[in-house]
Protein backbone atom coordinates (compact mmCIF):
# COMPACT_ATOMS: atom_id res chain seq x y z
CA MET A 1 -89.70 -36.85 106.26
CA ALA A 2 -87.17 -39.00 104.30
CA GLU A 3 -83.94 -40.12 105.81
CA PRO A 4 -80.67 -39.17 104.14
CA PRO A 5 -78.76 -42.00 102.52
CA SER A 6 -76.17 -43.65 104.58
CA THR A 7 -72.57 -42.85 103.78
CA GLY A 8 -70.86 -45.07 106.26
CA PRO A 9 -69.04 -48.34 105.72
CA ALA A 10 -72.13 -50.21 106.53
CA ALA A 11 -73.78 -48.97 103.48
CA ALA A 12 -74.11 -51.56 100.81
CA ALA A 13 -72.16 -51.06 97.48
CA PRO A 14 -74.09 -51.33 94.25
CA ALA A 15 -73.78 -54.55 92.39
CA PRO A 16 -71.29 -54.56 89.45
CA GLY A 17 -72.73 -54.82 85.92
CA PRO A 18 -71.59 -54.52 82.18
CA ARG A 19 -70.08 -51.12 81.20
CA PRO A 20 -71.94 -49.45 78.39
CA GLU A 21 -69.95 -48.93 75.08
CA PRO A 22 -69.14 -45.35 74.16
CA ALA A 23 -70.93 -43.85 71.21
CA PRO A 24 -68.80 -43.73 67.99
CA ALA A 25 -67.30 -40.35 67.08
CA PRO A 26 -68.89 -38.68 64.11
CA LEU A 27 -66.85 -38.91 60.80
CA PRO A 28 -65.34 -35.64 59.53
CA PRO A 29 -66.96 -34.30 56.44
CA PRO A 30 -65.04 -35.04 53.15
CA PRO A 31 -62.66 -32.22 51.98
CA ARG A 32 -64.07 -29.94 49.45
CA ARG A 33 -62.16 -29.90 46.10
CA ARG A 34 -60.91 -26.46 45.21
CA ARG A 35 -61.71 -25.37 41.74
CA VAL A 36 -58.69 -24.09 39.78
CA LYS A 37 -59.38 -20.72 38.37
CA PRO A 38 -59.02 -20.46 34.60
CA GLY A 39 -56.80 -17.40 34.95
CA TYR A 40 -54.09 -19.42 36.70
CA VAL A 41 -54.05 -21.99 33.91
CA VAL A 42 -53.77 -19.34 31.27
CA GLY A 43 -51.00 -17.62 33.18
CA ALA A 44 -49.07 -20.87 33.55
CA LEU A 45 -49.43 -21.60 29.86
CA ILE A 46 -48.31 -18.10 28.98
CA LEU A 47 -45.28 -18.43 31.29
CA LEU A 48 -44.39 -21.80 29.78
CA ILE A 49 -44.70 -20.44 26.26
CA ALA A 50 -42.60 -17.41 27.19
CA VAL A 51 -39.85 -19.60 28.65
CA ALA A 52 -39.91 -21.86 25.61
CA GLY A 53 -39.84 -18.83 23.31
CA ALA A 54 -36.92 -17.32 25.21
CA ILE A 55 -35.00 -20.58 24.92
CA LEU A 56 -35.73 -20.84 21.21
CA TYR A 57 -34.82 -17.17 20.70
CA TYR A 58 -31.53 -17.69 22.54
CA LEU A 59 -30.69 -20.83 20.59
CA LYS A 60 -31.55 -19.24 17.24
CA TYR A 61 -30.66 -15.56 17.59
CA VAL A 62 -28.13 -15.31 20.42
CA ALA A 63 -26.07 -18.48 20.80
CA PRO A 64 -24.92 -18.73 17.14
CA PHE A 65 -23.70 -15.11 17.05
CA GLU A 66 -20.85 -13.07 18.47
CA SER A 67 -21.14 -9.30 18.58
CA THR A 68 -19.33 -6.30 20.00
CA ASP A 69 -19.77 -2.57 20.23
CA ASP A 70 -15.99 -1.98 20.20
CA ALA A 71 -15.83 -1.62 16.42
CA PHE A 72 -15.10 1.24 14.04
CA ILE A 73 -15.19 2.03 10.34
CA GLU A 74 -11.74 2.10 8.76
CA GLY A 75 -10.41 3.12 5.35
CA ASP A 76 -7.20 3.94 3.47
CA VAL A 77 -6.94 7.70 3.95
CA THR A 78 -4.61 9.11 1.28
CA PHE A 79 -2.67 12.26 2.16
CA VAL A 80 -1.86 14.40 -0.88
CA SER A 81 1.44 16.29 -1.09
CA PRO A 82 2.98 18.33 -3.92
CA ARG A 83 6.18 17.00 -5.48
CA ILE A 84 7.70 20.45 -5.96
CA ALA A 85 7.79 23.68 -3.99
CA GLY A 86 6.03 26.83 -5.08
CA GLN A 87 3.19 29.25 -4.54
CA VAL A 88 -0.38 28.03 -5.00
CA ILE A 89 -2.07 30.17 -7.63
CA ARG A 90 -5.30 28.15 -7.96
CA LEU A 91 -7.28 26.05 -5.48
CA LEU A 92 -9.70 23.83 -7.38
CA VAL A 93 -11.49 21.86 -4.61
CA ASN A 94 -13.50 22.56 -1.47
CA ASP A 95 -13.86 20.74 1.83
CA ASN A 96 -15.75 17.41 1.66
CA GLN A 97 -16.01 17.60 -2.12
CA GLN A 98 -16.26 14.35 -4.06
CA VAL A 99 -13.48 13.97 -6.64
CA LYS A 100 -12.53 11.40 -9.23
CA GLU A 101 -9.10 9.97 -9.90
CA GLY A 102 -7.08 12.48 -11.93
CA ASP A 103 -9.20 15.54 -11.09
CA PRO A 104 -7.00 18.66 -10.55
CA LEU A 105 -6.72 19.75 -6.91
CA ILE A 106 -4.33 22.72 -6.88
CA GLU A 107 -2.05 24.52 -9.34
CA ILE A 108 1.39 25.85 -8.42
CA ASP A 109 2.99 28.86 -10.13
CA PRO A 110 4.81 27.37 -13.18
CA SER A 111 7.01 30.38 -14.07
CA ASP A 112 10.25 29.10 -12.51
CA TYR A 113 9.78 25.64 -13.97
CA GLN A 114 9.03 26.97 -17.43
CA THR A 115 12.37 28.81 -17.27
CA GLN A 116 14.12 25.63 -16.20
CA GLN A 117 12.53 23.78 -19.10
CA ALA A 118 13.71 26.43 -21.58
CA GLN A 119 17.25 26.26 -20.16
CA ALA A 120 17.25 22.48 -20.37
CA THR A 121 16.04 22.64 -23.98
CA ALA A 122 18.91 24.98 -24.88
CA ASP A 123 21.43 22.73 -23.08
CA LEU A 124 20.18 19.76 -25.08
CA ALA A 125 20.59 21.65 -28.35
CA SER A 126 24.16 22.60 -27.37
CA ALA A 127 24.98 19.01 -26.45
CA ARG A 128 23.66 17.75 -29.76
CA ALA A 129 25.78 20.34 -31.58
CA ARG A 130 28.90 19.15 -29.74
CA LEU A 131 28.06 15.57 -30.66
CA ALA A 132 27.66 16.51 -34.32
CA GLN A 133 30.99 18.35 -34.21
CA ALA A 134 32.74 15.34 -32.65
CA ARG A 135 31.30 13.04 -35.30
CA ALA A 136 32.42 15.44 -38.05
CA GLN A 137 35.91 15.61 -36.58
CA ILE A 138 36.28 11.86 -36.57
CA ALA A 139 35.19 11.81 -40.20
CA VAL A 140 37.95 14.32 -41.04
CA ASP A 141 40.54 12.32 -39.12
CA GLN A 142 39.42 9.12 -40.79
CA ALA A 143 39.97 10.81 -44.15
CA LYS A 144 43.47 11.76 -43.03
CA VAL A 145 44.14 8.13 -42.14
CA ASP A 146 43.02 7.05 -45.58
CA GLN A 147 45.22 9.74 -47.13
CA GLN A 148 48.25 8.60 -45.17
CA LYS A 149 47.62 5.02 -46.19
CA ALA A 150 47.65 6.13 -49.81
CA ALA A 151 50.86 8.06 -49.22
CA VAL A 152 52.45 4.95 -47.70
CA THR A 153 51.42 2.95 -50.74
CA ALA A 154 52.89 5.56 -53.09
CA ALA A 155 56.10 5.81 -51.08
CA GLU A 156 56.47 2.05 -51.07
CA ALA A 157 56.03 1.99 -54.86
CA VAL A 158 58.72 4.66 -55.34
CA ALA A 159 61.01 2.89 -52.90
CA SER A 160 60.46 -0.41 -54.66
CA ARG A 161 61.37 1.11 -58.03
CA ALA A 162 64.48 2.77 -56.58
CA ALA A 163 65.55 -0.47 -54.99
CA ALA A 164 65.03 -2.29 -58.29
CA ASP A 165 67.13 0.33 -60.14
CA ARG A 166 69.93 0.01 -57.63
CA ALA A 167 69.88 -3.77 -57.87
CA ARG A 168 69.98 -3.55 -61.68
CA TYR A 169 72.95 -1.18 -61.63
CA LEU A 170 74.79 -3.47 -59.25
CA ALA A 171 74.14 -6.50 -61.46
CA VAL A 172 75.65 -5.05 -64.67
CA GLN A 173 79.35 -4.73 -65.47
CA SER A 174 81.17 -2.00 -63.73
CA ASN A 175 82.34 -0.55 -67.03
CA ALA A 176 78.72 -0.33 -68.31
CA VAL A 177 77.46 2.01 -65.54
CA SER A 178 79.24 5.04 -64.31
CA ARG A 179 80.12 5.50 -60.70
CA THR A 180 77.86 8.54 -60.52
CA GLN A 181 74.82 6.65 -61.71
CA LEU A 182 75.46 3.88 -59.24
CA ASP A 183 75.75 6.32 -56.35
CA LEU A 184 72.59 8.10 -57.47
CA ALA A 185 70.68 4.82 -57.54
CA LYS A 186 71.89 3.98 -54.05
CA THR A 187 70.87 7.42 -52.78
CA GLN A 188 67.43 7.24 -54.32
CA ALA A 189 66.85 3.77 -52.86
CA SER A 190 67.82 4.98 -49.38
CA SER A 191 65.75 8.18 -49.72
CA THR A 192 62.62 6.40 -50.87
CA ALA A 193 62.96 3.82 -48.10
CA ALA A 194 63.13 6.68 -45.58
CA GLU A 195 60.08 8.28 -47.17
CA VAL A 196 58.18 5.01 -46.66
CA ASP A 197 59.09 5.04 -42.95
CA VAL A 198 57.91 8.64 -42.68
CA ALA A 199 54.63 7.83 -44.44
CA ARG A 200 54.04 4.88 -42.16
CA SER A 201 54.70 7.04 -39.09
CA GLN A 202 52.25 9.64 -40.33
CA GLU A 203 49.70 6.88 -40.93
CA LYS A 204 50.10 5.65 -37.36
CA ALA A 205 49.77 9.22 -36.05
CA ALA A 206 46.56 9.68 -38.01
CA GLU A 207 45.18 6.39 -36.74
CA ALA A 208 46.12 7.36 -33.17
CA GLN A 209 44.08 10.53 -33.53
CA LEU A 210 40.98 8.42 -34.06
CA GLU A 211 41.01 7.24 -30.42
CA PRO A 212 40.62 10.74 -28.92
CA ASP A 213 37.96 11.39 -31.52
CA GLN A 214 36.04 8.30 -30.36
CA ALA A 215 36.41 9.42 -26.76
CA ALA A 216 35.16 12.87 -27.73
CA ILE A 217 32.11 11.30 -29.39
CA GLN A 218 31.39 9.21 -26.29
CA ALA A 219 31.71 12.30 -24.10
CA ALA A 220 29.41 14.23 -26.43
CA GLU A 221 26.88 11.40 -26.39
CA ALA A 222 27.01 11.31 -22.58
CA GLY A 223 26.54 15.06 -22.49
CA GLU A 224 23.53 14.72 -24.78
CA GLN A 225 22.01 12.06 -22.51
CA GLN A 226 22.56 14.27 -19.47
CA ALA A 227 20.93 17.17 -21.25
CA GLN A 228 18.00 14.96 -22.20
CA ALA A 229 17.66 13.84 -18.56
CA ARG A 230 17.71 17.45 -17.36
CA LEU A 231 15.07 18.35 -19.93
CA LYS A 232 12.94 15.38 -18.87
CA GLN A 233 13.24 16.43 -15.22
CA ALA A 234 12.35 20.01 -16.12
CA GLU A 235 9.28 18.78 -18.01
CA LEU A 236 8.28 16.60 -15.07
CA ASN A 237 8.69 19.49 -12.64
CA LEU A 238 6.54 21.62 -14.90
CA SER A 239 3.88 18.92 -14.98
CA TYR A 240 4.03 18.66 -11.17
CA THR A 241 2.72 22.22 -10.91
CA LYS A 242 -0.74 20.70 -11.37
CA VAL A 243 -1.53 18.32 -8.51
CA PRO A 244 -4.15 15.69 -9.48
CA ALA A 245 -6.23 13.45 -7.23
CA PRO A 246 -4.42 10.10 -6.87
CA ARG A 247 -7.72 8.26 -6.31
CA ALA A 248 -11.44 8.82 -6.08
CA GLY A 249 -12.94 9.92 -2.78
CA ARG A 250 -13.89 12.92 -0.68
CA ILE A 251 -11.67 15.84 0.24
CA THR A 252 -10.99 16.29 3.95
CA ARG A 253 -8.44 17.97 6.23
CA ARG A 254 -7.62 20.61 3.64
CA THR A 255 -4.89 22.88 5.01
CA VAL A 256 -3.99 24.87 1.89
CA GLU A 257 -5.38 28.09 0.46
CA ALA A 258 -4.67 30.01 -2.70
CA GLY A 259 -1.53 32.09 -2.22
CA ASN A 260 0.15 29.72 0.24
CA TYR A 261 3.72 28.65 -0.43
CA VAL A 262 3.95 24.89 -0.18
CA GLN A 263 6.98 22.64 0.14
CA ALA A 264 7.64 19.36 -1.59
CA GLY A 265 6.19 16.54 0.52
CA GLN A 266 3.98 18.82 2.62
CA ALA A 267 0.56 17.27 3.32
CA ILE A 268 -2.00 19.75 2.02
CA LEU A 269 -5.19 17.63 2.14
CA ALA A 270 -6.49 14.09 2.51
CA ILE A 271 -8.76 11.96 0.33
CA VAL A 272 -11.10 9.48 1.99
CA PRO A 273 -12.01 6.74 -0.51
CA ASN A 274 -15.35 4.98 -0.74
CA ASP A 275 -13.72 1.60 -0.08
CA MET A 276 -14.04 1.05 3.68
CA TRP A 277 -14.21 -1.83 6.14
CA VAL A 278 -14.82 -2.50 9.84
CA VAL A 279 -12.21 -3.29 12.49
CA ALA A 280 -13.98 -5.01 15.40
CA ASN A 281 -12.13 -5.66 18.67
CA PHE A 282 -13.60 -8.95 19.89
CA LYS A 283 -12.72 -10.52 23.20
CA GLU A 284 -10.39 -13.45 22.88
CA THR A 285 -13.09 -15.67 24.39
CA GLN A 286 -15.35 -14.81 21.45
CA LEU A 287 -12.92 -16.14 18.85
CA THR A 288 -13.37 -19.84 19.57
CA HIS A 289 -15.54 -20.51 16.53
CA MET A 290 -14.79 -17.39 14.48
CA ARG A 291 -13.32 -18.02 11.05
CA ALA A 292 -12.65 -16.05 7.87
CA GLY A 293 -15.59 -15.99 5.48
CA GLN A 294 -18.35 -16.15 8.11
CA PRO A 295 -21.35 -13.90 7.41
CA VAL A 296 -21.72 -10.65 9.34
CA THR A 297 -24.41 -8.02 9.71
CA VAL A 298 -23.17 -4.53 10.51
CA ARG A 299 -25.02 -1.60 11.99
CA VAL A 300 -23.52 1.86 12.07
CA ASP A 301 -24.41 3.99 15.08
CA ALA A 302 -25.15 6.98 12.86
CA TYR A 303 -27.76 4.98 10.91
CA PRO A 304 -29.21 2.36 13.30
CA GLN A 305 -32.16 1.64 11.02
CA ARG A 306 -29.86 0.28 8.28
CA GLU A 307 -27.98 -3.03 8.14
CA TRP A 308 -25.17 -4.00 5.78
CA ARG A 309 -24.13 -7.45 4.72
CA ALA A 310 -20.47 -8.25 5.32
CA LYS A 311 -18.11 -11.11 6.04
CA VAL A 312 -15.08 -11.82 8.21
CA ASP A 313 -11.93 -11.13 6.21
CA SER A 314 -9.16 -11.98 8.68
CA LEU A 315 -8.10 -11.99 12.31
CA GLN A 316 -5.08 -10.00 13.41
CA ALA A 317 -2.09 -12.11 14.44
CA GLY A 318 -1.91 -10.64 17.92
CA SER A 319 -3.98 -8.68 20.40
CA GLY A 320 -4.32 -4.93 20.22
CA ALA A 321 -2.31 -4.46 23.41
CA ARG A 322 0.61 -6.42 21.96
CA PHE A 323 1.09 -3.84 19.21
CA SER A 324 0.57 -0.77 21.35
CA LEU A 325 3.34 1.76 21.93
CA LEU A 326 4.05 0.33 25.40
CA PRO A 327 3.01 -3.35 25.49
CA PRO A 328 1.97 -4.48 28.98
CA GLU A 329 4.61 -6.35 30.96
CA ASN A 330 3.01 -8.98 33.18
CA ALA A 331 6.18 -10.43 34.67
CA VAL A 332 5.42 -8.99 38.11
CA GLY A 333 4.29 -10.42 41.41
CA ASN A 334 0.73 -9.08 41.43
CA TYR A 335 -0.86 -10.30 38.24
CA VAL A 336 -4.50 -9.75 37.34
CA LYS A 337 -5.68 -11.59 34.25
CA VAL A 338 -7.50 -9.32 31.82
CA VAL A 339 -9.42 -10.58 28.82
CA GLN A 340 -7.61 -9.31 25.75
CA ARG A 341 -9.22 -8.01 22.59
CA VAL A 342 -8.14 -9.03 19.10
CA PRO A 343 -8.89 -6.84 16.04
CA VAL A 344 -10.94 -8.60 13.37
CA LYS A 345 -11.20 -7.14 9.86
CA ILE A 346 -14.71 -7.27 8.38
CA VAL A 347 -15.30 -6.30 4.76
CA PHE A 348 -18.61 -5.19 3.29
CA GLU A 349 -20.34 -7.22 0.60
CA GLU A 350 -22.46 -4.32 -0.60
CA PRO A 351 -21.60 -0.70 -1.44
CA LEU A 352 -21.71 2.01 1.21
CA ASN A 353 -22.36 4.93 -1.13
CA ASP A 354 -26.11 5.02 -0.54
CA PRO A 355 -27.70 8.42 -1.21
CA GLY A 356 -28.05 10.43 1.95
CA LEU A 357 -25.63 8.29 3.98
CA ASP A 358 -22.27 9.80 4.87
CA ILE A 359 -20.18 6.96 6.27
CA ALA A 360 -16.57 7.80 7.03
CA PRO A 361 -13.61 6.23 8.84
CA GLY A 362 -13.77 6.51 12.61
CA MET A 363 -17.53 5.99 12.94
CA SER A 364 -18.73 3.47 15.52
CA ALA A 365 -20.28 0.22 14.34
CA GLU A 366 -21.79 -2.93 15.82
CA PRO A 367 -21.04 -6.11 13.88
CA LYS A 368 -22.77 -9.42 14.54
CA VAL A 369 -20.92 -12.51 13.33
CA ARG A 370 -22.68 -15.83 12.78
CA VAL A 371 -20.14 -18.34 14.11
CA GLN A 372 -22.37 -21.45 14.14
């Protein structure tokens, strides 16, 4: 039977020796390279192309343009009013009818104005008769003046002969001429001298009559001119019974019917011309590079599939709020800055009267201005 090993202090310790080296740790396996899937590469390329395309699109189609949807078609709407009062006997147009300049629109009863024309014609004839009478009267008075001048000449001749006879009688001897003959010569000389004075007075009276005659002629001429003016006005009033179209366009807002009594200056209808433009209210921050003459493309909301070529005509000298009925007053304590809008006039460079397109003032539009 074997004895157990001794564990006491008397037991001998094993002899020291070299420590064995530890075994080297195994190297980790090399990492496996992940293969990039082709779908990721294609997706990245597509994303890169999309970003580049968006940048190019922005630089070419967005950055150089300014646009707004706060824009409307405008035009010079002409309101038609009669120039005289009267009853409408004929209505010659319908709503939304196209008319040309000079086309008749309505006709007013001409009876009263025909009577006025006839009266004015008669007044003119009477005025011309008075003028002829005044001219005839001055001719008669001028003849009287000539007659009185002849009488003065004759009286002066008689007076001269009487004065010569008297002087002759006075020059001869007193015993050669009787006292009676001498007294008779003196009397005849005095009488003929007085007749000369009378003839001269009558001549002056006849000449003085010419001045009233001239005044009468001037008054008759003025009366003739007044009668001519009244006749001209009567003829104009008669012509005003037919109301023509002042310009070409379409009839709208017709408020008159046959049989209505219209007053002078009363708006009876409006004409919308074919010449229209766009008023676009751009923000003030959009006007940095906007100038007159820049090209514009315009779309009308009613016809979104159609574009019109246009150009910037002018920019209003002030914002829309500045010309409103009650302009805003910002001189208060609590101020909030609001971007203002400035009206810009845009004119078309091509006609708007395309068949099948009814474009009228007030329609909404979307202009796009190339500012760069």
